[in-house]
Amino acid sequence: MAERIGFIGLGIMGQPMAENLAKGFSVLGYDTQEGRLQGLKRVSRASGIGELAAGCSVICLSLPSAAIVEEVVLGSVGFSSNLKPGSLVIDLSTSLPSVSRRLAAKLAERGIEFADAPVSGGEAGAKSASLAIMVGAAQATFERCLPYLSAIGGSVVRVGEVGAGGIAKLVNNMIVASAFTVIAEGFSLAAANGVEARALYDAIRGGWAGSKVLDVSAEAIAARDYAPGGTIDMLAKDLGYARTLATESRVPIPMTAVAHEVLVAGQAAGRGKESQPAIVELWRRLGGEQ
């Protein structure tokens, strides 16, 4: 019999991932925000995480923070006590590697497998099932995860043991955040000298500056349209995790620290719920532009 999948967290990323999984598997979904359950087409609705865990042998998580992941799995109202031995938990969230390792160890005591499998590619990648997925898991666990992860991703790579997927995702987001920051800075410099955003983009996208981050940023900056997708709040949280890991590892990450502070400035300016290119508005405000 095919394993039934429980999916917890049906936000911007979680809902399309769950719907794509449901094209090939039986999926039961849950979110604390009732409105997120309204648009489900293929995914069945669970009344709570206890019901979901009791009825599913595979649980996928797409949650906003490491603390929430740990609470949902192991907390006072967590689902781990409802899981049967032999179950599998796949955490698709961007989390702290230390939390992933702690969860894996606790679940292993009950014969439950765990993989950290954070994703990159944004809302568009989630909808098109073309996400890049970075997996930390034992080899046998990774192989068990593959059919499910392949249903939501275009690239699924085992990076190493539990925690390694999260490390890869934090490095990914260090690079992405640094790119968002310098693009905002560069486009602001160009604007101050009379170069229009779309003309600048057309001029540089075919060179080494070309990237997905540039493609997304240039259009958003030109249109001043910062509807999420990913948000400044989420990326700032991820860079905070990267800085925590770097401190624990005694590895200096000065470029990431600067990018993080720019994102925090964006939050302070009230733009945390907007997409990442909105940080360009910090420069526009400094220049007196409304």
Foldseek 3Di string as FASTA:
>chain_A
DDFEEEEEDQPLQRVLLQQLLLVPHAYEYDYPDVVSVVPHDRHHYDPDLQVRQLRGQEYEYADQELVVVCCQCPNPPHRLVNHAAPGEYEYQYQYFLVSQVVSQVVSVVRNYFYKYWHWDDWSVLQNVLAIAIEIADDPVNLVVCVVSNSSRHNHYDHQYHRSRRNVVVLVVLLVLLLLLVVLLVVCLVCVVVPHQLVNVCVVPCVDPNNDPSSVVLSVCVNVVAFADRPFLQRSLNSLVSVVVVCVVVVHDDVSSVVSSVLSVVCVVVVRGNTHSNNSSVVSCVVVVHD
